[in-house]
Every structure is written in C-alpha cells, then in structure tokens.
PDB file of N, CA and C in Angstrom:
ATOM      1  N   MET A   1      10.116 -10.875  33.323  1.00  0.00           N
ATOM      2  CA  MET A   1       9.087 -10.387  32.590  1.00  0.00           C
ATOM      3  C   MET A   1       8.198  -9.514  33.356  1.00  0.00           C
ATOM      4  N   THR A   2       7.885  -8.209  32.934  1.00  0.00           N
ATOM      5  CA  THR A   2       6.966  -7.401  33.749  1.00  0.00           C
ATOM      6  C   THR A   2       5.622  -7.792  33.459  1.00  0.00           C
ATOM      7  N   ALA A   3       4.720  -7.554  34.508  1.00  0.00           N
ATOM      8  CA  ALA A   3       3.404  -7.834  34.497  1.00  0.00           C
ATOM      9  C   ALA A   3       2.666  -6.710  33.684  1.00  0.00           C
ATOM     10  N   LEU A   4       1.602  -7.078  32.902  1.00  0.00           N
ATOM     11  CA  LEU A   4       0.769  -6.138  32.192  1.00  0.00           C
ATOM     12  C   LEU A   4      -0.055  -5.433  33.232  1.00  0.00           C
ATOM     13  N   MET A   5      -0.116  -4.082  33.221  1.00  0.00           N
ATOM     14  CA  MET A   5      -0.989  -3.446  34.182  1.00  0.00           C
ATOM     15  C   MET A   5      -2.000  -2.577  33.586  1.00  0.00           C
ATOM     16  N   VAL A   6      -3.307  -2.667  34.191  1.00  0.00           N
ATOM     17  CA  VAL A   6      -4.343  -1.799  33.694  1.00  0.00           C
ATOM     18  C   VAL A   6      -4.931  -1.143  34.878  1.00  0.00           C
ATOM     19  N   ALA A   7      -4.864   0.167  34.881  1.00  0.00           N
ATOM     20  CA  ALA A   7      -5.241   1.029  36.020  1.00  0.00           C
ATOM     21  C   ALA A   7      -4.773   0.628  37.310  1.00  0.00           C
ATOM     22  N   GLY A   8      -3.241   0.216  37.152  1.00  0.00           N
ATOM     23  CA  GLY A   8      -2.595  -0.139  38.345  1.00  0.00           C
ATOM     24  C   GLY A   8      -2.824  -1.603  38.867  1.00  0.00           C
ATOM     25  N   ARG A   9      -3.471  -2.548  38.190  1.00  0.00           N
ATOM     26  CA  ARG A   9      -3.687  -3.719  38.490  1.00  0.00           C
ATOM     27  C   ARG A   9      -3.212  -4.747  37.478  1.00  0.00           C
ATOM     28  N   THR A  10      -2.618  -5.769  37.831  1.00  0.00           N
ATOM     29  CA  THR A  10      -2.190  -6.783  36.893  1.00  0.00           C
ATOM     30  C   THR A  10      -3.441  -7.517  36.385  1.00  0.00           C
ATOM     31  N   LEU A  11      -3.326  -8.265  35.341  1.00  0.00           N
ATOM     32  CA  LEU A  11      -4.380  -9.016  34.681  1.00  0.00           C
ATOM     33  C   LEU A  11      -5.155  -9.958  35.632  1.00  0.00           C
ATOM     34  N   ASP A  12      -4.317 -10.603  36.351  1.00  0.00           N
ATOM     35  CA  ASP A  12      -4.793 -11.588  37.437  1.00  0.00           C
ATOM     36  C   ASP A  12      -5.713 -10.762  38.462  1.00  0.00           C
ATOM     37  N   GLU A  13      -5.516  -9.567  38.811  1.00  0.00           N
ATOM     38  CA  GLU A  13      -6.158  -8.792  39.695  1.00  0.00           C
ATOM     39  C   GLU A  13      -7.472  -8.149  39.194  1.00  0.00           C
ATOM     40  N   LEU A  14      -7.588  -8.196  37.824  1.00  0.00           N
ATOM     41  CA  LEU A  14      -8.982  -7.611  37.289  1.00  0.00           C
ATOM     42  C   LEU A  14     -10.017  -8.623  37.470  1.00  0.00           C
ATOM     43  N   PRO A  15     -11.260  -8.138  37.603  1.00  0.00           N
ATOM     44  CA  PRO A  15     -12.400  -9.066  37.682  1.00  0.00           C
ATOM     45  C   PRO A  15     -12.693  -9.888  36.539  1.00  0.00           C
ATOM     46  N   SER A  16     -12.847 -11.149  36.572  1.00  0.00           N
ATOM     47  CA  SER A  16     -13.190 -11.961  35.344  1.00  0.00           C
ATOM     48  C   SER A  16     -14.710 -12.425  35.290  1.00  0.00           C
ATOM     49  N   TYR A  17     -15.506 -11.773  36.050  1.00  0.00           N
ATOM     50  CA  TYR A  17     -16.954 -11.977  36.218  1.00  0.00           C
ATOM     51  C   TYR A  17     -17.689 -10.712  35.726  1.00  0.00           C
ATOM     52  N   ALA A  18     -19.149 -11.092  35.524  1.00  0.00           N
ATOM     53  CA  ALA A  18     -19.952  -9.847  35.108  1.00  0.00           C
ATOM     54  C   ALA A  18     -20.145  -9.031  36.307  1.00  0.00           C
ATOM     55  N   ALA A  19     -19.824  -7.772  36.226  1.00  0.00           N
ATOM     56  CA  ALA A  19     -20.000  -6.901  37.431  1.00  0.00           C
ATOM     57  C   ALA A  19     -21.207  -6.200  37.327  1.00  0.00           C
ATOM     58  N   ASP A  20     -21.722  -5.689  38.481  1.00  0.00           N
ATOM     59  CA  ASP A  20     -22.969  -4.909  38.604  1.00  0.00           C
ATOM     60  C   ASP A  20     -22.628  -3.630  37.845  1.00  0.00           C
ATOM     61  N   PRO A  21     -23.518  -3.180  36.949  1.00  0.00           N
ATOM     62  CA  PRO A  21     -23.324  -1.958  36.191  1.00  0.00           C
ATOM     63  C   PRO A  21     -22.949  -0.742  37.023  1.00  0.00           C
ATOM     64  N   GLU A  22     -23.389  -0.748  38.169  1.00  0.00           N
ATOM     65  CA  GLU A  22     -22.977   0.374  39.130  1.00  0.00           C
ATOM     66  C   GLU A  22     -21.591   0.321  39.672  1.00  0.00           C
ATOM     67  N   GLU A  23     -20.888  -0.948  39.604  1.00  0.00           N
ATOM     68  CA  GLU A  23     -19.565  -1.118  39.977  1.00  0.00           C
ATOM     69  C   GLU A  23     -18.518  -1.013  38.883  1.00  0.00           C
ATOM     70  N   ILE A  24     -18.985  -0.738  37.692  1.00  0.00           N
ATOM     71  CA  ILE A  24     -18.077  -0.673  36.441  1.00  0.00           C
ATOM     72  C   ILE A  24     -17.286   0.678  36.486  1.00  0.00           C
ATOM     73  N   GLU A  25     -15.970   0.336  36.424  1.00  0.00           N
ATOM     74  CA  GLU A  25     -15.093   1.542  36.312  1.00  0.00           C
ATOM     75  C   GLU A  25     -14.729   1.716  34.890  1.00  0.00           C
ATOM     76  N   VAL A  26     -14.940   2.920  34.277  1.00  0.00           N
ATOM     77  CA  VAL A  26     -14.494   3.195  32.909  1.00  0.00           C
ATOM     78  C   VAL A  26     -13.259   3.776  32.916  1.00  0.00           C
ATOM     79  N   ILE A  27     -12.234   3.316  32.181  1.00  0.00           N
ATOM     80  CA  ILE A  27     -10.923   3.854  32.176  1.00  0.00           C
ATOM     81  C   ILE A  27     -10.634   4.275  30.600  1.00  0.00           C
ATOM     82  N   HIS A  28     -10.536   5.598  30.386  1.00  0.00           N
ATOM     83  CA  HIS A  28     -10.274   6.217  29.047  1.00  0.00           C
ATOM     84  C   HIS A  28      -8.816   6.000  28.677  1.00  0.00           C
ATOM     85  N   LEU A  29      -8.416   5.464  27.645  1.00  0.00           N
ATOM     86  CA  LEU A  29      -7.011   5.293  27.208  1.00  0.00           C
ATOM     87  C   LEU A  29      -6.760   6.208  26.015  1.00  0.00           C
ATOM     88  N   THR A  30      -5.521   6.778  26.026  1.00  0.00           N
ATOM     89  CA  THR A  30      -5.044   7.611  24.979  1.00  0.00           C
ATOM     90  C   THR A  30      -4.461   6.659  23.837  1.00  0.00           C
ATOM     91  N   ASP A  31      -4.174   7.208  22.779  1.00  0.00           N
ATOM     92  CA  ASP A  31      -3.526   6.384  21.749  1.00  0.00           C
ATOM     93  C   ASP A  31      -2.191   5.887  22.140  1.00  0.00           C
ATOM     94  N   GLU A  32      -1.531   6.687  22.854  1.00  0.00           N
ATOM     95  CA  GLU A  32      -0.236   6.292  23.463  1.00  0.00           C
ATOM     96  C   GLU A  32      -0.450   5.102  24.494  1.00  0.00           C
ATOM     97  N   ASP A  33      -1.384   5.299  25.345  1.00  0.00           N
ATOM     98  CA  ASP A  33      -1.732   4.112  26.291  1.00  0.00           C
ATOM     99  C   ASP A  33      -1.928   2.931  25.525  1.00  0.00           C
ATOM    100  N   VAL A  34      -2.733   3.030  24.545  1.00  0.00           N
ATOM    101  CA  VAL A  34      -2.956   1.683  23.716  1.00  0.00           C
ATOM    102  C   VAL A  34      -1.917   1.142  22.949  1.00  0.00           C
ATOM    103  N   SER A  35      -1.132   1.995  22.536  1.00  0.00           N
ATOM    104  CA  SER A  35       0.125   1.566  21.672  1.00  0.00           C
ATOM    105  C   SER A  35       1.106   0.823  22.852  1.00  0.00           C
ATOM    106  N   GLU A  36       1.160   1.519  23.927  1.00  0.00           N
ATOM    107  CA  GLU A  36       2.097   0.844  25.021  1.00  0.00           C
ATOM    108  C   GLU A  36       1.547  -0.313  25.469  1.00  0.00           C
ATOM    109  N   PHE A  37       0.335  -0.508  25.717  1.00  0.00           N
ATOM    110  CA  PHE A  37      -0.436  -1.658  26.166  1.00  0.00           C
ATOM    111  C   PHE A  37      -0.278  -2.825  25.056  1.00  0.00           C
ATOM    112  N   VAL A  38      -0.506  -2.565  23.843  1.00  0.00           N
ATOM    113  CA  VAL A  38      -0.349  -3.667  22.742  1.00  0.00           C
ATOM    114  C   VAL A  38       1.182  -4.149  22.829  1.00  0.00           C
ATOM    115  N   SER A  39       2.052  -3.132  22.825  1.00  0.00           N
ATOM    116  CA  SER A  39       3.584  -3.503  22.847  1.00  0.00           C
ATOM    117  C   SER A  39       3.762  -4.360  24.075  1.00  0.00           C
ATOM    118  N   ASP A  40       3.423  -4.148  25.132  1.00  0.00           N
ATOM    119  CA  ASP A  40       3.609  -4.921  26.476  1.00  0.00           C
ATOM    120  C   ASP A  40       2.954  -6.222  26.139  1.00  0.00           C
ATOM    121  N   ALA A  41       1.766  -6.289  25.600  1.00  0.00           N
ATOM    122  CA  ALA A  41       1.018  -7.646  25.397  1.00  0.00           C
ATOM    123  C   ALA A  41       1.847  -8.482  24.437  1.00  0.00           C
ATOM    124  N   LEU A  42       2.376  -7.981  23.397  1.00  0.00           N
ATOM    125  CA  LEU A  42       3.041  -8.629  22.398  1.00  0.00           C
ATOM    126  C   LEU A  42       4.378  -9.372  22.939  1.00  0.00           C
ATOM    127  N   ALA A  43       5.100  -8.363  23.824  1.00  0.00           N
ATOM    128  CA  ALA A  43       6.314  -8.760  24.483  1.00  0.00           C
ATOM    129  C   ALA A  43       6.069  -9.960  25.565  1.00  0.00           C
ATOM    130  N   ALA A  44       4.873  -9.854  26.132  1.00  0.00           N
ATOM    131  CA  ALA A  44       4.475 -10.846  27.120  1.00  0.00           C
ATOM    132  C   ALA A  44       4.266 -12.239  26.258  1.00  0.00           C
ATOM    133  N   ALA A  45       3.681 -12.083  25.101  1.00  0.00           N
ATOM    134  CA  ALA A  45       3.316 -13.335  24.268  1.00  0.00           C
ATOM    135  C   ALA A  45       4.599 -13.741  23.585  1.00  0.00           C
ATOM    136  N   GLY A  46       5.521 -13.063  23.559  1.00  0.00           N
ATOM    137  CA  GLY A  46       6.876 -13.338  22.919  1.00  0.00           C
ATOM    138  C   GLY A  46       6.827 -13.666  21.221  1.00  0.00           C
ATOM    139  N   CYS A  47       6.140 -12.751  20.822  1.00  0.00           N
ATOM    140  CA  CYS A  47       5.975 -12.710  19.264  1.00  0.00           C
ATOM    141  C   CYS A  47       5.518 -11.445  18.748  1.00  0.00           C
ATOM    142  N   THR A  48       5.597 -11.304  17.496  1.00  0.00           N
ATOM    143  CA  THR A  48       5.129 -10.086  16.852  1.00  0.00           C
ATOM    144  C   THR A  48       3.631 -10.078  16.610  1.00  0.00           C
ATOM    145  N   ARG A  49       2.989  -9.015  16.207  1.00  0.00           N
ATOM    146  CA  ARG A  49       1.606  -8.773  15.991  1.00  0.00           C
ATOM    147  C   ARG A  49       1.305  -9.799  14.853  1.00  0.00           C
ATOM    148  N   GLU A  50       2.063  -9.861  13.794  1.00  0.00           N
ATOM    149  CA  GLU A  50       1.741 -10.820  12.644  1.00  0.00           C
ATOM    150  C   GLU A  50       1.859 -12.343  13.029  1.00  0.00           C
ATOM    151  N   GLU A  51       2.817 -12.702  13.854  1.00  0.00           N
ATOM    152  CA  GLU A  51       2.961 -14.132  14.421  1.00  0.00           C
ATOM    153  C   GLU A  51       1.807 -14.258  15.319  1.00  0.00           C
ATOM    154  N   LEU A  52       1.268 -13.403  16.030  1.00  0.00           N
ATOM    155  CA  LEU A  52       0.125 -13.669  16.910  1.00  0.00           C
ATOM    156  C   LEU A  52      -1.133 -13.790  16.144  1.00  0.00           C
ATOM    157  N   GLU A  53      -1.213 -13.116  15.181  1.00  0.00           N
ATOM    158  CA  GLU A  53      -2.433 -12.957  14.194  1.00  0.00           C
ATOM    159  C   GLU A  53      -2.506 -14.526  13.482  1.00  0.00           C
ATOM    160  N   GLN A  54      -1.386 -14.981  13.060  1.00  0.00           N
ATOM    161  CA  GLN A  54      -1.202 -16.210  12.293  1.00  0.00           C
ATOM    162  C   GLN A  54      -1.682 -17.395  13.313  1.00  0.00           C
ATOM    163  N   GLN A  55      -1.244 -17.250  14.622  1.00  0.00           N
ATOM    164  CA  GLN A  55      -1.700 -18.316  15.462  1.00  0.00           C
ATOM    165  C   GLN A  55      -3.182 -18.043  15.727  1.00  0.00           C
ATOM    166  N   ALA A  56      -3.632 -17.050  15.749  1.00  0.00           N
ATOM    167  CA  ALA A  56      -5.163 -16.891  15.901  1.00  0.00           C
ATOM    168  C   ALA A  56      -6.043 -17.402  14.704  1.00  0.00           C
ATOM    169  N   GLU A  57      -5.516 -17.139  13.489  1.00  0.00           N
ATOM    170  CA  GLU A  57      -6.005 -17.707  12.384  1.00  0.00           C
ATOM    171  C   GLU A  57      -6.064 -19.195  12.245  1.00  0.00           C
ATOM    172  N   SER A  58      -4.820 -19.761  12.866  1.00  0.00           N
ATOM    173  CA  SER A  58      -4.796 -21.339  12.706  1.00  0.00           C
ATOM    174  C   SER A  58      -5.502 -21.956  13.895  1.00  0.00           C
ATOM    175  N   GLY A  59      -5.708 -21.137  15.014  1.00  0.00           N
ATOM    176  CA  GLY A  59      -6.222 -21.648  16.207  1.00  0.00           C
ATOM    177  C   GLY A  59      -5.388 -22.353  17.069  1.00  0.00           C
ATOM    178  N   ASP A  60      -4.041 -22.268  16.718  1.00  0.00           N
ATOM    179  CA  ASP A  60      -2.963 -22.985  17.339  1.00  0.00           C
ATOM    180  C   ASP A  60      -1.934 -22.088  17.976  1.00  0.00           C
ATOM    181  N   PHE A  61      -2.154 -21.571  19.201  1.00  0.00           N
ATOM    182  CA  PHE A  61      -1.362 -20.696  20.007  1.00  0.00           C
ATOM    183  C   PHE A  61      -0.164 -21.306  20.635  1.00  0.00           C
ATOM    184  N   THR A  62       1.039 -20.745  20.615  1.00  0.00           N
ATOM    185  CA  THR A  62       2.181 -21.306  21.310  1.00  0.00           C
ATOM    186  C   THR A  62       1.988 -21.474  22.801  1.00  0.00           C
ATOM    187  N   SER A  63       1.125 -20.812  23.353  1.00  0.00           N
ATOM    188  CA  SER A  63       0.872 -20.865  24.802  1.00  0.00           C
ATOM    189  C   SER A  63      -0.592 -20.315  25.168  1.00  0.00           C
ATOM    190  N   GLU A  64      -0.920 -20.499  26.342  1.00  0.00           N
ATOM    191  CA  GLU A  64      -2.172 -20.023  26.910  1.00  0.00           C
ATOM    192  C   GLU A  64      -2.198 -18.483  26.965  1.00  0.00           C
ATOM    193  N   LEU A  65      -0.874 -18.140  27.403  1.00  0.00           N
ATOM    194  CA  LEU A  65      -0.481 -16.553  27.445  1.00  0.00           C
ATOM    195  C   LEU A  65      -0.734 -15.904  26.147  1.00  0.00           C
ATOM    196  N   ALA A  66      -0.251 -16.685  25.154  1.00  0.00           N
ATOM    197  CA  ALA A  66      -0.284 -16.065  23.688  1.00  0.00           C
ATOM    198  C   ALA A  66      -1.750 -15.926  23.343  1.00  0.00           C
ATOM    199  N   ARG A  67      -2.628 -16.714  23.698  1.00  0.00           N
ATOM    200  CA  ARG A  67      -4.003 -16.822  23.266  1.00  0.00           C
ATOM    201  C   ARG A  67      -4.683 -15.638  24.083  1.00  0.00           C
ATOM    202  N   ARG A  68      -4.317 -15.478  25.307  1.00  0.00           N
ATOM    203  CA  ARG A  68      -4.779 -14.431  26.145  1.00  0.00           C
ATOM    204  C   ARG A  68      -4.385 -13.101  25.547  1.00  0.00           C
ATOM    205  N   MET A  69      -3.241 -13.025  25.246  1.00  0.00           N
ATOM    206  CA  MET A  69      -2.675 -11.715  24.671  1.00  0.00           C
ATOM    207  C   MET A  69      -3.372 -11.342  23.350  1.00  0.00           C
ATOM    208  N   TRP A  70      -3.624 -12.339  22.461  1.00  0.00           N
ATOM    209  CA  TRP A  70      -4.436 -12.212  21.249  1.00  0.00           C
ATOM    210  C   TRP A  70      -5.731 -11.381  21.544  1.00  0.00           C
ATOM    211  N   PHE A  71      -6.484 -11.922  22.484  1.00  0.00           N
ATOM    212  CA  PHE A  71      -7.728 -11.467  22.749  1.00  0.00           C
ATOM    213  C   PHE A  71      -7.736  -9.888  23.201  1.00  0.00           C
ATOM    214  N   LEU A  72      -6.574  -9.666  23.973  1.00  0.00           N
ATOM    215  CA  LEU A  72      -6.184  -8.272  24.411  1.00  0.00           C
ATOM    216  C   LEU A  72      -5.901  -7.275  23.228  1.00  0.00           C
ATOM    217  N   VAL A  73      -4.990  -7.870  22.417  1.00  0.00           N
ATOM    218  CA  VAL A  73      -4.461  -7.013  21.335  1.00  0.00           C
ATOM    219  C   VAL A  73      -5.594  -6.844  20.248  1.00  0.00           C
ATOM    220  N   SER A  74      -6.162  -7.909  19.965  1.00  0.00           N
ATOM    221  CA  SER A  74      -7.304  -7.776  18.903  1.00  0.00           C
ATOM    222  C   SER A  74      -8.426  -6.916  19.351  1.00  0.00           C
ATOM    223  N   SER A  75      -8.606  -6.760  20.624  1.00  0.00           N
ATOM    224  CA  SER A  75      -9.716  -5.955  21.081  1.00  0.00           C
ATOM    225  C   SER A  75      -9.548  -4.487  20.845  1.00  0.00           C
ATOM    226  N   PHE A  76      -8.382  -4.094  20.535  1.00  0.00           N
ATOM    227  CA  PHE A  76      -8.054  -2.724  20.243  1.00  0.00           C
ATOM    228  C   PHE A  76      -8.102  -2.427  18.683  1.00  0.00           C
ATOM    229  N   ASP A  77      -8.334  -3.355  17.865  1.00  0.00           N
ATOM    230  CA  ASP A  77      -8.603  -3.106  16.344  1.00  0.00           C
ATOM    231  C   ASP A  77      -9.678  -2.245  16.086  1.00  0.00           C
ATOM    232  N   GLN A  78      -9.500  -1.523  15.065  1.00  0.00           N
ATOM    233  CA  GLN A  78     -10.629  -0.592  14.608  1.00  0.00           C
ATOM    234  C   GLN A  78     -11.651  -1.464  13.898  1.00  0.00           C
ATOM    235  N   PRO A  79     -13.027  -1.335  14.241  1.00  0.00           N
ATOM    236  CA  PRO A  79     -13.957  -2.115  13.361  1.00  0.00           C
ATOM    237  C   PRO A  79     -13.953  -1.825  11.964  1.00  0.00           C
ATOM    238  N   ALA A  80     -14.228  -2.654  11.090  1.00  0.00           N
ATOM    239  CA  ALA A  80     -14.255  -2.466   9.745  1.00  0.00           C
ATOM    240  C   ALA A  80     -15.496  -1.554   9.439  1.00  0.00           C
ATOM    241  N   ARG A  81     -15.488  -0.659   8.426  1.00  0.00           N
ATOM    242  CA  ARG A  81     -16.450   0.320   7.907  1.00  0.00           C
ATOM    243  C   ARG A  81     -17.084  -0.213   6.747  1.00  0.00           C
TER     244      ARG A  81
END
C-alpha cells in the first residue's frame, strides 16, 4: 500500500497539534488533486465511498484507518446550501 501524501509528507509526518498561526502553511488543491487524494484515501481504507459513509453513519468502522480516512474524505464534501 502506498502512503497518502500531502505536500510531500505522509499523514504521520503532518502535525497533529494546534500550530502557531504564523507557522501554518496553506496548500491550495486543484479539483484534480482533491479527486486523487479522495481516491487514494478510499483505497487505503479498502472500501468505496458508499461503504465508508455507511460505516460512519453506524459509527462502526472496519478499522482505525477507515475511521481516519472517513474524516479526510468527508472534509472535502461541499457544504449544504
């Protein structure tokens, strides 16, 4: 399995703490970047978007990785208008 990368860093290499606003690096993603990132996250979770969404609705994920990938994938959803 290939590691998911964001700005050349794996998820484990990204900070998981609140950063100083002066240290925040903003990365602008194209639609193609987002599509590729979501596809890679679903592949890492080992399921389809629909399967992952069902797991989220039930609160019963097949793995910790699937749970983490749901939060990544769902963060790219468009807000309801």
